[in-house]
Structures are given as structure tokens and as C-alpha cells.
Amino acid sequence: MKLTHTFAAALLAAGICCAVPAMAAASPDHYLLTQGVMNRMKAAEPDLVAVGHRQGNDDDGTAGDNPTVEGLVRTIEADKTARAALAKQGLTSRDYALASFAMLHAGFYVMMEDSLDRKEAAELLATFTQEQKANIALVRTMKK
């Protein structure tokens, strides 16, 4: 009986460990941008523009004034040519949407931090996730 409880606990722990990265990737607040992802997004951009897709585009009217990751995913999934352009670079619609929102958030912070005093900027930065902080650091390198 004890062995089955131990096995069940180990199985539950393994399931939780596997689920946490999947849940974390469901939010742009926990999406870690890498230079590789940035390079693939940049490489996909000409193809996306050629097929009429651009960030912030609201052709289907679903995003409105409050765009979401899910809304962007649905927009891309509905467009076969946009999906193909991303797939050509090894990106899924979800990767692209999460990376877009993560990059947008980091870009806003980098853009605004010069207008904040150092204490305000540090206090605001302290409220961000580790991934957001890393994304901000990556975007700062792009600014130079």
C-alpha cells in the first residue's frame, strides 16, 4: 500500500512539473523572449506583410480596442498563408502571439523608463516577473 502511495505522489509531482511550463507559456507575462525567437519573427515579417498580416491588424473585428493573445492566435489560425509564413520560420501562431505581446510589454517599459525617475523605474521593474525582466533586458540591447 505504501509503495502505491509513493508511486502516485511521484506521478502527481511529475505531472505538476510538466504542467507548470505549459501554464507559464500561456501568458505573455511568463513568455521568455530569446534572440532566436526574435530573429525568426523578423524573418517571417516580410512574408506576413506580403499576405496582409501585421501586428495590431483587426480585419475580423474580434480584437477591438482590447487585443488578446487568444484573439491574435485565432486571427492567424484563420489565415492559412500567415500560418504557413510562420511555420516556414519554425513558429506557431501561439508562439508568435505570445512573443508579440511579450515584446510589446518590454518595449513599452524600455520606452518609458527614461521618463521615470530611477526609484520609480526600479519600483515598477520589481513588480514584473523574471521573464518580463529578462525580456526588458533583451529589448534594451536592441535599443542600442
Protein backbone atom coordinates (compact mmCIF):
# COMPACT_ATOMS: atom_id res chain seq x y z
CA MET A 1 0.00 0.00 0.00
CA LYS A 2 2.79 2.46 0.85
CA LEU A 3 4.52 1.77 -2.48
CA THR A 4 1.39 2.70 -4.42
CA HIS A 5 1.04 5.94 -2.44
CA THR A 6 4.68 6.78 -3.15
CA PHE A 7 4.24 5.97 -6.82
CA ALA A 8 1.05 8.06 -7.00
CA ALA A 9 2.77 11.01 -5.29
CA ALA A 10 5.73 10.77 -7.69
CA LEU A 11 3.38 10.64 -10.66
CA LEU A 12 1.44 13.65 -9.37
CA ALA A 13 4.67 15.61 -8.81
CA ALA A 14 5.86 14.79 -12.32
CA GLY A 15 2.54 15.93 -13.74
CA ILE A 16 2.72 19.22 -11.87
CA CYS A 17 6.29 19.80 -13.06
CA CYS A 18 5.23 19.24 -16.66
CA ALA A 19 2.12 21.39 -16.34
CA VAL A 20 3.84 24.48 -14.90
CA PRO A 21 5.88 25.30 -18.05
CA ALA A 22 2.79 24.77 -20.19
CA MET A 23 0.73 27.09 -18.00
CA ALA A 24 3.52 29.66 -17.85
CA ALA A 25 3.74 29.76 -21.62
CA ALA A 26 0.02 30.56 -21.77
CA SER A 27 0.70 34.12 -20.61
CA PRO A 28 2.91 36.77 -22.20
CA ASP A 29 3.91 37.75 -18.64
CA HIS A 30 5.75 34.42 -18.43
CA TYR A 31 6.94 34.12 -22.03
CA LEU A 32 10.72 34.32 -22.26
CA LEU A 33 11.88 36.02 -25.43
CA THR A 34 15.11 34.80 -26.96
CA GLN A 35 17.25 36.24 -29.70
CA GLY A 36 16.37 33.16 -31.78
CA VAL A 37 12.63 33.84 -31.50
CA MET A 38 13.24 37.50 -32.32
CA ASN A 39 15.27 36.51 -35.39
CA ARG A 40 12.57 34.09 -36.58
CA MET A 41 9.85 36.73 -36.10
CA LYS A 42 11.89 39.23 -38.07
CA ALA A 43 12.49 36.66 -40.82
CA ALA A 44 8.73 35.93 -41.00
CA GLU A 45 7.78 39.62 -41.18
CA PRO A 46 8.21 40.12 -44.95
CA ASP A 47 6.02 37.08 -45.68
CA LEU A 48 3.40 38.20 -43.17
CA VAL A 49 3.29 41.70 -44.63
CA ALA A 50 3.04 40.22 -48.14
CA VAL A 51 -0.08 38.28 -47.13
CA GLY A 52 -1.61 41.32 -45.46
CA HIS A 53 -0.99 40.45 -41.81
CA ARG A 54 0.55 42.95 -39.45
CA GLN A 55 0.56 43.29 -35.69
CA GLY A 56 -2.44 45.21 -34.47
CA ASN A 57 -4.44 44.39 -37.60
CA ASP A 58 -8.12 43.97 -36.77
CA ASP A 59 -9.54 42.65 -40.03
CA ASP A 60 -12.04 40.34 -38.38
CA GLY A 61 -13.21 42.82 -35.74
CA THR A 62 -12.68 40.43 -32.86
CA ALA A 63 -9.79 42.21 -31.17
CA GLY A 64 -11.40 45.64 -30.90
CA ASP A 65 -9.68 48.05 -28.53
CA ASN A 66 -8.51 45.27 -26.25
CA PRO A 67 -6.49 42.75 -28.28
CA THR A 68 -5.63 39.46 -26.61
CA VAL A 69 -3.21 36.62 -27.21
CA GLU A 70 -6.15 34.33 -27.99
CA GLY A 71 -7.58 36.86 -30.44
CA LEU A 72 -4.27 37.09 -32.31
CA VAL A 73 -3.94 33.29 -32.32
CA ARG A 74 -7.45 32.96 -33.79
CA THR A 75 -6.69 35.59 -36.44
CA ILE A 76 -3.52 33.80 -37.52
CA GLU A 77 -5.11 30.35 -37.38
CA ALA A 78 -7.87 31.56 -39.70
CA ASP A 79 -5.29 32.70 -42.27
CA LYS A 80 -3.62 29.75 -43.96
CA THR A 81 -0.93 31.87 -45.61
CA ALA A 82 0.00 33.61 -42.35
CA ARG A 83 0.26 30.22 -40.62
CA ALA A 84 2.48 28.99 -43.45
CA ALA A 85 4.70 32.08 -43.21
CA LEU A 86 5.22 31.43 -39.51
CA ALA A 87 5.71 27.69 -39.97
CA LYS A 88 8.40 28.42 -42.56
CA GLN A 89 10.36 30.06 -39.72
CA GLY A 90 9.51 27.38 -37.15
CA LEU A 91 6.93 29.47 -35.27
CA THR A 92 3.41 28.54 -34.26
CA SER A 93 0.61 31.08 -34.09
CA ARG A 94 0.71 30.80 -30.28
CA ASP A 95 4.49 31.40 -30.18
CA TYR A 96 4.08 34.41 -32.42
CA ALA A 97 1.21 35.86 -30.38
CA LEU A 98 2.91 35.34 -27.02
CA ALA A 99 6.21 36.72 -28.29
CA SER A 100 4.44 39.72 -29.84
CA PHE A 101 2.71 40.64 -26.58
CA ALA A 102 5.85 39.97 -24.51
CA MET A 103 7.91 42.16 -26.85
CA LEU A 104 5.27 44.89 -26.80
CA HIS A 105 5.25 44.94 -22.99
CA ALA A 106 9.05 45.01 -22.74
CA GLY A 107 9.23 47.69 -25.42
CA PHE A 108 6.79 49.93 -23.58
CA TYR A 109 8.80 49.66 -20.40
CA VAL A 110 12.09 50.43 -22.17
CA MET A 111 10.49 53.35 -23.98
CA MET A 112 9.04 54.81 -20.78
CA GLU A 113 11.83 54.13 -18.29
CA ASP A 114 13.80 57.23 -19.35
CA SER A 115 10.82 59.40 -18.41
CA LEU A 116 10.64 57.85 -14.91
CA ASP A 117 13.00 58.72 -12.13
CA ARG A 118 15.31 55.88 -11.09
CA LYS A 119 13.33 54.99 -7.98
CA GLU A 120 10.01 54.80 -9.87
CA ALA A 121 11.59 52.72 -12.62
CA ALA A 122 13.11 50.32 -10.08
CA GLU A 123 9.83 50.00 -8.17
CA LEU A 124 7.91 49.26 -11.35
CA LEU A 125 10.53 46.78 -12.56
CA ALA A 126 10.34 44.97 -9.21
CA THR A 127 6.66 44.15 -9.87
CA PHE A 128 7.45 42.25 -13.09
CA THR A 129 8.01 38.51 -13.50
CA GLN A 130 11.51 37.15 -14.05
CA GLU A 131 10.63 36.54 -17.70
CA GLN A 132 9.45 40.14 -18.14
CA LYS A 133 12.69 41.40 -16.60
CA ALA A 134 14.72 39.22 -18.97
CA ASN A 135 12.61 40.40 -21.92
CA ILE A 136 13.24 44.02 -20.92
CA ALA A 137 16.97 43.33 -20.79
CA LEU A 138 16.82 41.80 -24.28
CA VAL A 139 14.85 44.74 -25.69
CA ARG A 140 17.35 47.16 -24.12
CA THR A 141 20.13 45.51 -26.13
CA MET A 142 18.09 46.07 -29.29
CA LYS A 143 17.68 49.76 -28.45
CA LYS A 144 21.42 50.45 -28.65
